[in-house]
């Protein structure tokens, strides 16, 4: 059995302010730090160890990972950072308050931008101060790969190649893998792993800093997936039956 742990970063400053964050680099709140340290305790209590870790190039995910590894006495483990694990790029919405944006554009439109599968937000212009064009961490990235605004479908399309090129090979070698990333990049991984329907995956909630554990077979087909809770409790995850599969929506079907 192979084990994969997915961890959304702890509450960020803009989470607390109900702002669209995307590729904007913001730190954790005090609550986010506390959530993250609790995640480490849950992993230790469940007897779950880690051999290698992956994260995005955004500080809130990196900080979350370092806090977890520190509290697990695993700071010495190899850590791989990559932009493909970044949060979904929210285009011109980045930095805007979600409630105020709904008042301006209408709740239905904002819901489509936030929770649809394939509708991206309005694209950001390269000369916009909020654009990542001048950000040093993306200096080696081809302009064609630098998003201006992404749907969840777009985000999944850039995450899956990193799964195939880096994460799944580590699992196949027997490593226990921890991925510290973001709500939408992790949704993309979940969709790929479990073959979740387009209509279902945007509404799948991944709480901040609550470990999502996958137990995978030899071919990396999910055998079980669950959120860790306190006092040894787990919340099993199952998906609706997909029409024509005769079973769950997992890759095993």
C-alpha atoms as a PDB file:
ATOM      1  CA  UNK A   1       0.000   0.000   0.000  1.00  0.00           C
ATOM      2  CA  UNK A   2       1.189   3.526  -0.860  1.00  0.00           C
ATOM      3  CA  UNK A   3       0.263   6.514   1.296  1.00  0.00           C
ATOM      4  CA  UNK A   4      -0.323  10.082   0.141  1.00  0.00           C
ATOM      5  CA  UNK A   5      -1.230  12.973   2.459  1.00  0.00           C
ATOM      6  CA  UNK A   6      -2.789  16.101   0.983  1.00  0.00           C
ATOM      7  CA  UNK A   7      -2.749  19.211   3.165  1.00  0.00           C
ATOM      8  CA  UNK A   8      -4.279  22.566   2.359  1.00  0.00           C
ATOM      9  CA  UNK A   9      -2.353  25.427   3.973  1.00  0.00           C
ATOM     10  CA  UNK A  10      -3.567  26.960   7.243  1.00  0.00           C
ATOM     11  CA  UNK A  11      -5.774  30.033   7.277  1.00  0.00           C
ATOM     12  CA  UNK A  12      -4.053  32.896   5.446  1.00  0.00           C
ATOM     13  CA  UNK A  13      -4.416  36.620   6.018  1.00  0.00           C
ATOM     14  CA  UNK A  14      -6.628  36.926   2.949  1.00  0.00           C
ATOM     15  CA  UNK A  15      -8.675  33.867   3.915  1.00  0.00           C
ATOM     16  CA  UNK A  16      -9.498  35.750   7.106  1.00  0.00           C
ATOM     17  CA  UNK A  17     -10.353  38.891   5.118  1.00  0.00           C
ATOM     18  CA  UNK A  18     -12.478  36.883   2.632  1.00  0.00           C
ATOM     19  CA  UNK A  19     -10.388  37.992  -0.346  1.00  0.00           C
ATOM     20  CA  UNK A  20      -9.564  36.191  -3.574  1.00  0.00           C
ATOM     21  CA  UNK A  21      -5.919  35.233  -3.127  1.00  0.00           C
ATOM     22  CA  UNK A  22      -4.776  33.090  -6.048  1.00  0.00           C
ATOM     23  CA  UNK A  23      -1.097  33.610  -6.821  1.00  0.00           C
ATOM     24  CA  UNK A  24      -0.797  36.585  -4.466  1.00  0.00           C
ATOM     25  CA  UNK A  25       1.748  35.752  -1.769  1.00  0.00           C
ATOM     26  CA  UNK A  26       0.282  36.228   1.710  1.00  0.00           C
ATOM     27  CA  UNK A  27       1.228  34.686   5.036  1.00  0.00           C
ATOM     28  CA  UNK A  28      -0.614  32.670   7.641  1.00  0.00           C
ATOM     29  CA  UNK A  29      -2.678  34.151  10.459  1.00  0.00           C
ATOM     30  CA  UNK A  30      -2.104  33.114  14.070  1.00  0.00           C
ATOM     31  CA  UNK A  31      -5.113  30.854  13.637  1.00  0.00           C
ATOM     32  CA  UNK A  32      -3.508  29.379  10.526  1.00  0.00           C
ATOM     33  CA  UNK A  33      -0.345  28.572  12.457  1.00  0.00           C
ATOM     34  CA  UNK A  34      -2.389  26.906  15.196  1.00  0.00           C
ATOM     35  CA  UNK A  35      -4.367  24.886  12.626  1.00  0.00           C
ATOM     36  CA  UNK A  36      -1.140  23.738  11.026  1.00  0.00           C
ATOM     37  CA  UNK A  37       0.393  22.625  14.295  1.00  0.00           C
ATOM     38  CA  UNK A  38      -2.812  20.710  15.018  1.00  0.00           C
ATOM     39  CA  UNK A  39      -2.400  18.957  11.669  1.00  0.00           C
ATOM     40  CA  UNK A  40       1.026  17.741  12.752  1.00  0.00           C
ATOM     41  CA  UNK A  41      -0.481  16.405  15.975  1.00  0.00           C
ATOM     42  CA  UNK A  42      -3.194  14.560  14.045  1.00  0.00           C
ATOM     43  CA  UNK A  43      -0.607  12.932  11.795  1.00  0.00           C
ATOM     44  CA  UNK A  44       1.538  11.882  14.740  1.00  0.00           C
ATOM     45  CA  UNK A  45      -1.461  10.549  16.668  1.00  0.00           C
ATOM     46  CA  UNK A  46      -2.465   8.471  13.630  1.00  0.00           C
ATOM     47  CA  UNK A  47       1.058   7.051  13.362  1.00  0.00           C
ATOM     48  CA  UNK A  48       1.522   8.532   9.886  1.00  0.00           C
ATOM     49  CA  UNK A  49       5.093   9.308   8.893  1.00  0.00           C
ATOM     50  CA  UNK A  50       6.485  11.021   5.784  1.00  0.00           C
ATOM     51  CA  UNK A  51       9.537  10.456   3.569  1.00  0.00           C
ATOM     52  CA  UNK A  52       9.326  13.283   1.025  1.00  0.00           C
ATOM     53  CA  UNK A  53       7.270  16.456   0.628  1.00  0.00           C
ATOM     54  CA  UNK A  54       6.062  18.648  -2.217  1.00  0.00           C
ATOM     55  CA  UNK A  55       4.704  22.182  -2.062  1.00  0.00           C
ATOM     56  CA  UNK A  56       3.946  25.225  -4.177  1.00  0.00           C
ATOM     57  CA  UNK A  57       6.138  28.318  -4.423  1.00  0.00           C
ATOM     58  CA  UNK A  58       3.678  30.389  -2.363  1.00  0.00           C
ATOM     59  CA  UNK A  59       4.643  31.246   1.200  1.00  0.00           C
ATOM     60  CA  UNK A  60       1.448  30.118   2.914  1.00  0.00           C
ATOM     61  CA  UNK A  61       1.887  26.549   1.653  1.00  0.00           C
ATOM     62  CA  UNK A  62       5.634  26.523   2.311  1.00  0.00           C
ATOM     63  CA  UNK A  63       5.170  27.850   5.846  1.00  0.00           C
ATOM     64  CA  UNK A  64       2.467  25.259   6.504  1.00  0.00           C
ATOM     65  CA  UNK A  65       4.771  22.478   5.358  1.00  0.00           C
ATOM     66  CA  UNK A  66       7.700  23.675   7.438  1.00  0.00           C
ATOM     67  CA  UNK A  67       5.569  23.953  10.573  1.00  0.00           C
ATOM     68  CA  UNK A  68       4.238  20.420  10.105  1.00  0.00           C
ATOM     69  CA  UNK A  69       7.666  18.952   9.425  1.00  0.00           C
ATOM     70  CA  UNK A  70       9.153  20.798  12.381  1.00  0.00           C
ATOM     71  CA  UNK A  71       6.516  19.518  14.786  1.00  0.00           C
ATOM     72  CA  UNK A  72       6.957  15.992  13.393  1.00  0.00           C
ATOM     73  CA  UNK A  73      10.756  16.278  13.799  1.00  0.00           C
ATOM     74  CA  UNK A  74      11.118  15.854  10.038  1.00  0.00           C
ATOM     75  CA  UNK A  75      12.599  19.182   8.913  1.00  0.00           C
ATOM     76  CA  UNK A  76      15.497  17.250   7.384  1.00  0.00           C
ATOM     77  CA  UNK A  77      13.291  15.567   4.792  1.00  0.00           C
ATOM     78  CA  UNK A  78      13.660  16.467   1.086  1.00  0.00           C
ATOM     79  CA  UNK A  79      11.189  19.149  -0.012  1.00  0.00           C
ATOM     80  CA  UNK A  80      10.378  19.939  -3.639  1.00  0.00           C
ATOM     81  CA  UNK A  81       8.712  23.246  -4.597  1.00  0.00           C
ATOM     82  CA  UNK A  82       6.949  23.823  -7.912  1.00  0.00           C
ATOM     83  CA  UNK A  83       4.665  26.463  -9.397  1.00  0.00           C
ATOM     84  CA  UNK A  84       2.331  23.772 -10.765  1.00  0.00           C
ATOM     85  CA  UNK A  85       1.077  23.244  -7.195  1.00  0.00           C
ATOM     86  CA  UNK A  86       0.159  26.940  -6.844  1.00  0.00           C
ATOM     87  CA  UNK A  87      -3.394  27.977  -6.088  1.00  0.00           C
ATOM     88  CA  UNK A  88      -5.771  28.649  -8.955  1.00  0.00           C
ATOM     89  CA  UNK A  89      -5.016  32.026 -10.539  1.00  0.00           C
ATOM     90  CA  UNK A  90      -8.001  34.295  -9.981  1.00  0.00           C
ATOM     91  CA  UNK A  91      -7.123  36.897 -12.622  1.00  0.00           C
ATOM     92  CA  UNK A  92      -8.474  40.387 -11.943  1.00  0.00           C
ATOM     93  CA  UNK A  93     -10.357  39.103  -8.876  1.00  0.00           C
ATOM     94  CA  UNK A  94      -7.128  38.717  -6.900  1.00  0.00           C
ATOM     95  CA  UNK A  95      -7.186  40.948  -3.838  1.00  0.00           C
ATOM     96  CA  UNK A  96     -10.901  41.706  -4.057  1.00  0.00           C
ATOM     97  CA  UNK A  97     -13.290  41.010  -1.207  1.00  0.00           C
ATOM     98  CA  UNK A  98     -15.636  38.175  -2.204  1.00  0.00           C
ATOM     99  CA  UNK A  99     -18.800  39.688  -0.718  1.00  0.00           C
ATOM    100  CA  UNK A 100     -18.122  43.098  -2.268  1.00  0.00           C
ATOM    101  CA  UNK A 101     -17.400  41.446  -5.616  1.00  0.00           C
ATOM    102  CA  UNK A 102     -20.742  39.618  -5.413  1.00  0.00           C
ATOM    103  CA  UNK A 103     -22.505  42.930  -4.768  1.00  0.00           C
ATOM    104  CA  UNK A 104     -20.807  44.453  -7.822  1.00  0.00           C
ATOM    105  CA  UNK A 105     -21.169  41.594 -10.304  1.00  0.00           C
ATOM    106  CA  UNK A 106     -24.029  39.579  -8.829  1.00  0.00           C
ATOM    107  CA  UNK A 107     -23.901  36.503  -6.636  1.00  0.00           C
ATOM    108  CA  UNK A 108     -24.592  34.108  -9.533  1.00  0.00           C
ATOM    109  CA  UNK A 109     -21.701  35.425 -11.625  1.00  0.00           C
ATOM    110  CA  UNK A 110     -19.262  35.234  -8.710  1.00  0.00           C
ATOM    111  CA  UNK A 111     -20.483  31.728  -7.890  1.00  0.00           C
ATOM    112  CA  UNK A 112     -19.690  30.717 -11.477  1.00  0.00           C
ATOM    113  CA  UNK A 113     -16.194  32.184 -11.232  1.00  0.00           C
ATOM    114  CA  UNK A 114     -15.580  30.465  -7.893  1.00  0.00           C
ATOM    115  CA  UNK A 115     -17.368  27.143  -8.191  1.00  0.00           C
ATOM    116  CA  UNK A 116     -17.763  26.201 -11.826  1.00  0.00           C
ATOM    117  CA  UNK A 117     -15.512  23.629 -13.469  1.00  0.00           C
ATOM    118  CA  UNK A 118     -14.567  25.471 -16.641  1.00  0.00           C
ATOM    119  CA  UNK A 119     -15.451  29.172 -16.337  1.00  0.00           C
ATOM    120  CA  UNK A 120     -12.351  31.319 -15.636  1.00  0.00           C
ATOM    121  CA  UNK A 121     -12.434  34.757 -13.988  1.00  0.00           C
ATOM    122  CA  UNK A 122     -11.651  37.879 -16.025  1.00  0.00           C
ATOM    123  CA  UNK A 123      -7.985  37.693 -17.142  1.00  0.00           C
ATOM    124  CA  UNK A 124      -5.368  39.967 -15.655  1.00  0.00           C
ATOM    125  CA  UNK A 125      -3.229  42.122 -17.951  1.00  0.00           C
ATOM    126  CA  UNK A 126       0.559  41.582 -17.895  1.00  0.00           C
ATOM    127  CA  UNK A 127       1.172  45.203 -16.837  1.00  0.00           C
ATOM    128  CA  UNK A 128      -1.235  44.941 -13.879  1.00  0.00           C
ATOM    129  CA  UNK A 129       0.715  45.310 -10.592  1.00  0.00           C
ATOM    130  CA  UNK A 130      -1.008  42.131  -9.389  1.00  0.00           C
ATOM    131  CA  UNK A 131       0.361  40.118 -12.323  1.00  0.00           C
ATOM    132  CA  UNK A 132       3.084  37.509 -11.704  1.00  0.00           C
ATOM    133  CA  UNK A 133       5.041  38.591 -14.806  1.00  0.00           C
ATOM    134  CA  UNK A 134       7.706  40.462 -12.826  1.00  0.00           C
ATOM    135  CA  UNK A 135       7.813  37.997  -9.918  1.00  0.00           C
ATOM    136  CA  UNK A 136      11.320  36.571  -9.638  1.00  0.00           C
ATOM    137  CA  UNK A 137      10.119  33.075  -8.745  1.00  0.00           C
ATOM    138  CA  UNK A 138       8.600  32.729 -12.242  1.00  0.00           C
ATOM    139  CA  UNK A 139      11.562  34.196 -14.141  1.00  0.00           C
ATOM    140  CA  UNK A 140      12.305  30.881 -15.843  1.00  0.00           C
ATOM    141  CA  UNK A 141       8.705  30.168 -16.752  1.00  0.00           C
ATOM    142  CA  UNK A 142       7.667  30.605 -20.369  1.00  0.00           C
ATOM    143  CA  UNK A 143       5.142  33.415 -20.769  1.00  0.00           C
ATOM    144  CA  UNK A 144       2.723  30.923 -22.337  1.00  0.00           C
ATOM    145  CA  UNK A 145       2.696  28.953 -19.062  1.00  0.00           C
ATOM    146  CA  UNK A 146       2.095  32.026 -16.898  1.00  0.00           C
ATOM    147  CA  UNK A 147      -1.668  32.115 -16.269  1.00  0.00           C
ATOM    148  CA  UNK A 148      -3.699  35.310 -16.448  1.00  0.00           C
ATOM    149  CA  UNK A 149      -6.781  33.698 -14.896  1.00  0.00           C
ATOM    150  CA  UNK A 150      -7.740  30.044 -14.464  1.00  0.00           C
ATOM    151  CA  UNK A 151     -10.809  27.882 -14.142  1.00  0.00           C
ATOM    152  CA  UNK A 152     -10.592  24.774 -11.984  1.00  0.00           C
ATOM    153  CA  UNK A 153     -10.255  22.826 -15.237  1.00  0.00           C
ATOM    154  CA  UNK A 154      -7.200  24.924 -16.154  1.00  0.00           C
ATOM    155  CA  UNK A 155      -5.690  24.429 -12.700  1.00  0.00           C
ATOM    156  CA  UNK A 156      -6.175  20.672 -12.881  1.00  0.00           C
ATOM    157  CA  UNK A 157      -4.560  20.602 -16.326  1.00  0.00           C
ATOM    158  CA  UNK A 158      -1.341  22.110 -14.943  1.00  0.00           C
ATOM    159  CA  UNK A 159      -1.304  20.067 -11.709  1.00  0.00           C
ATOM    160  CA  UNK A 160      -1.704  16.622 -13.306  1.00  0.00           C
ATOM    161  CA  UNK A 161       1.614  16.727 -15.235  1.00  0.00           C
ATOM    162  CA  UNK A 162       3.456  17.397 -11.960  1.00  0.00           C
ATOM    163  CA  UNK A 163       1.666  14.432 -10.402  1.00  0.00           C
ATOM    164  CA  UNK A 164       2.824  12.258 -13.280  1.00  0.00           C
ATOM    165  CA  UNK A 165       6.395  13.593 -13.430  1.00  0.00           C
ATOM    166  CA  UNK A 166       7.254  13.966  -9.729  1.00  0.00           C
ATOM    167  CA  UNK A 167       4.706  12.832  -7.142  1.00  0.00           C
ATOM    168  CA  UNK A 168       3.607   9.463  -8.523  1.00  0.00           C
ATOM    169  CA  UNK A 169       7.202   8.312  -9.218  1.00  0.00           C
ATOM    170  CA  UNK A 170       8.070   9.008  -5.564  1.00  0.00           C
ATOM    171  CA  UNK A 171       5.079   6.965  -4.435  1.00  0.00           C
ATOM    172  CA  UNK A 172       6.013   4.092  -6.751  1.00  0.00           C
ATOM    173  CA  UNK A 173       9.471   4.019  -5.157  1.00  0.00           C
ATOM    174  CA  UNK A 174       7.779   3.424  -1.798  1.00  0.00           C
ATOM    175  CA  UNK A 175       7.973   6.943  -0.354  1.00  0.00           C
ATOM    176  CA  UNK A 176       5.246   8.216   1.933  1.00  0.00           C
ATOM    177  CA  UNK A 177       4.390  11.556   0.350  1.00  0.00           C
ATOM    178  CA  UNK A 178       3.055  14.797   1.840  1.00  0.00           C
ATOM    179  CA  UNK A 179       1.750  17.516  -0.489  1.00  0.00           C
ATOM    180  CA  UNK A 180       1.203  20.944   1.083  1.00  0.00           C
ATOM    181  CA  UNK A 181      -0.699  23.101  -1.369  1.00  0.00           C
ATOM    182  CA  UNK A 182      -3.984  24.945  -1.919  1.00  0.00           C
ATOM    183  CA  UNK A 183      -7.698  24.290  -2.082  1.00  0.00           C
ATOM    184  CA  UNK A 184      -7.958  24.245  -5.871  1.00  0.00           C
ATOM    185  CA  UNK A 185      -4.652  22.614  -6.780  1.00  0.00           C
ATOM    186  CA  UNK A 186      -5.529  19.842  -4.319  1.00  0.00           C
ATOM    187  CA  UNK A 187      -9.031  19.577  -5.802  1.00  0.00           C
ATOM    188  CA  UNK A 188      -7.312  19.005  -9.125  1.00  0.00           C
ATOM    189  CA  UNK A 189      -5.304  16.130  -7.665  1.00  0.00           C
ATOM    190  CA  UNK A 190      -8.399  14.627  -6.039  1.00  0.00           C
ATOM    191  CA  UNK A 191     -10.304  14.817  -9.323  1.00  0.00           C
ATOM    192  CA  UNK A 192      -7.465  13.053 -11.119  1.00  0.00           C
ATOM    193  CA  UNK A 193      -7.007  10.368  -8.467  1.00  0.00           C
ATOM    194  CA  UNK A 194     -10.700   9.550  -8.073  1.00  0.00           C
ATOM    195  CA  UNK A 195     -11.980  10.483 -11.544  1.00  0.00           C
ATOM    196  CA  UNK A 196     -14.517  12.788  -9.905  1.00  0.00           C
ATOM    197  CA  UNK A 197     -17.292  14.167 -12.115  1.00  0.00           C
ATOM    198  CA  UNK A 198     -16.818  17.735 -13.376  1.00  0.00           C
ATOM    199  CA  UNK A 199     -20.042  18.786 -11.643  1.00  0.00           C
ATOM    200  CA  UNK A 200     -18.970  17.379  -8.257  1.00  0.00           C
ATOM    201  CA  UNK A 201     -15.359  18.435  -7.798  1.00  0.00           C
ATOM    202  CA  UNK A 202     -15.854  22.246  -7.545  1.00  0.00           C
ATOM    203  CA  UNK A 203     -18.043  21.757  -4.455  1.00  0.00           C
ATOM    204  CA  UNK A 204     -15.649  19.390  -2.680  1.00  0.00           C
ATOM    205  CA  UNK A 205     -14.473  21.217   0.432  1.00  0.00           C
ATOM    206  CA  UNK A 206     -10.923  20.771   1.727  1.00  0.00           C
ATOM    207  CA  UNK A 207     -10.679  22.498   5.126  1.00  0.00           C
ATOM    208  CA  UNK A 208      -7.544  24.458   5.961  1.00  0.00           C
ATOM    209  CA  UNK A 209      -4.817  22.302   7.516  1.00  0.00           C
ATOM    210  CA  UNK A 210      -6.895  19.150   7.893  1.00  0.00           C
ATOM    211  CA  UNK A 211      -4.939  16.159   6.554  1.00  0.00           C
ATOM    212  CA  UNK A 212      -6.575  14.231   3.721  1.00  0.00           C
ATOM    213  CA  UNK A 213      -5.042  10.756   3.604  1.00  0.00           C
ATOM    214  CA  UNK A 214      -5.077   8.504   0.539  1.00  0.00           C
ATOM    215  CA  UNK A 215      -4.247   4.823   0.720  1.00  0.00           C
ATOM    216  CA  UNK A 216      -3.298   3.681  -2.780  1.00  0.00           C
ATOM    217  CA  UNK A 217      -2.831   0.298  -4.389  1.00  0.00           C
ATOM    218  CA  UNK A 218       0.240  -0.901  -6.290  1.00  0.00           C
ATOM    219  CA  UNK A 219      -1.015   0.883  -9.421  1.00  0.00           C
ATOM    220  CA  UNK A 220      -1.816   4.006  -7.359  1.00  0.00           C
ATOM    221  CA  UNK A 221      -5.545   3.365  -7.589  1.00  0.00           C
ATOM    222  CA  UNK A 222      -7.245   4.819  -4.461  1.00  0.00           C
ATOM    223  CA  UNK A 223      -8.307   2.119  -2.023  1.00  0.00           C
ATOM    224  CA  UNK A 224      -9.426   4.484   0.698  1.00  0.00           C
ATOM    225  CA  UNK A 225      -9.454   8.212   1.385  1.00  0.00           C
ATOM    226  CA  UNK A 226     -10.311  10.049   4.602  1.00  0.00           C
ATOM    227  CA  UNK A 227      -9.826  13.240   6.610  1.00  0.00           C
ATOM    228  CA  UNK A 228      -8.082  12.884   9.961  1.00  0.00           C
ATOM    229  CA  UNK A 229      -9.968  14.110  13.024  1.00  0.00           C
ATOM    230  CA  UNK A 230      -9.285  14.407  16.724  1.00  0.00           C
ATOM    231  CA  UNK A 231      -9.066  11.422  19.066  1.00  0.00           C
ATOM    232  CA  UNK A 232      -8.384   9.035  16.216  1.00  0.00           C
ATOM    233  CA  UNK A 233     -11.600   9.860  14.356  1.00  0.00           C
ATOM    234  CA  UNK A 234     -11.616   9.725  10.565  1.00  0.00           C
ATOM    235  CA  UNK A 235     -14.119  11.042   8.025  1.00  0.00           C
ATOM    236  CA  UNK A 236     -14.325   8.605   5.134  1.00  0.00           C
ATOM    237  CA  UNK A 237     -14.869  10.091   1.675  1.00  0.00           C
ATOM    238  CA  UNK A 238     -17.016   8.396  -0.941  1.00  0.00           C
ATOM    239  CA  UNK A 239     -18.149   9.751  -4.266  1.00  0.00           C
ATOM    240  CA  UNK A 240     -21.570   9.508  -5.943  1.00  0.00           C
ATOM    241  CA  UNK A 241     -22.046   6.644  -8.354  1.00  0.00           C
ATOM    242  CA  UNK A 242     -21.132   7.743 -11.875  1.00  0.00           C
ATOM    243  CA  UNK A 243     -23.701   6.845 -14.517  1.00  0.00           C
ATOM    244  CA  UNK A 244     -22.447   3.895 -16.502  1.00  0.00           C
ATOM    245  CA  UNK A 245     -19.741   2.835 -14.052  1.00  0.00           C
ATOM    246  CA  UNK A 246     -21.833   0.687 -11.745  1.00  0.00           C
ATOM    247  CA  UNK A 247     -19.677   1.796  -8.826  1.00  0.00           C
ATOM    248  CA  UNK A 248     -17.845   4.676  -7.180  1.00  0.00           C
ATOM    249  CA  UNK A 249     -16.255   7.511  -9.119  1.00  0.00           C
ATOM    250  CA  UNK A 250     -12.762   6.438  -8.131  1.00  0.00           C
ATOM    251  CA  UNK A 251     -10.082   5.461 -10.597  1.00  0.00           C
ATOM    252  CA  UNK A 252     -10.723   1.839  -9.636  1.00  0.00           C
ATOM    253  CA  UNK A 253     -14.111   1.910 -11.387  1.00  0.00           C
END
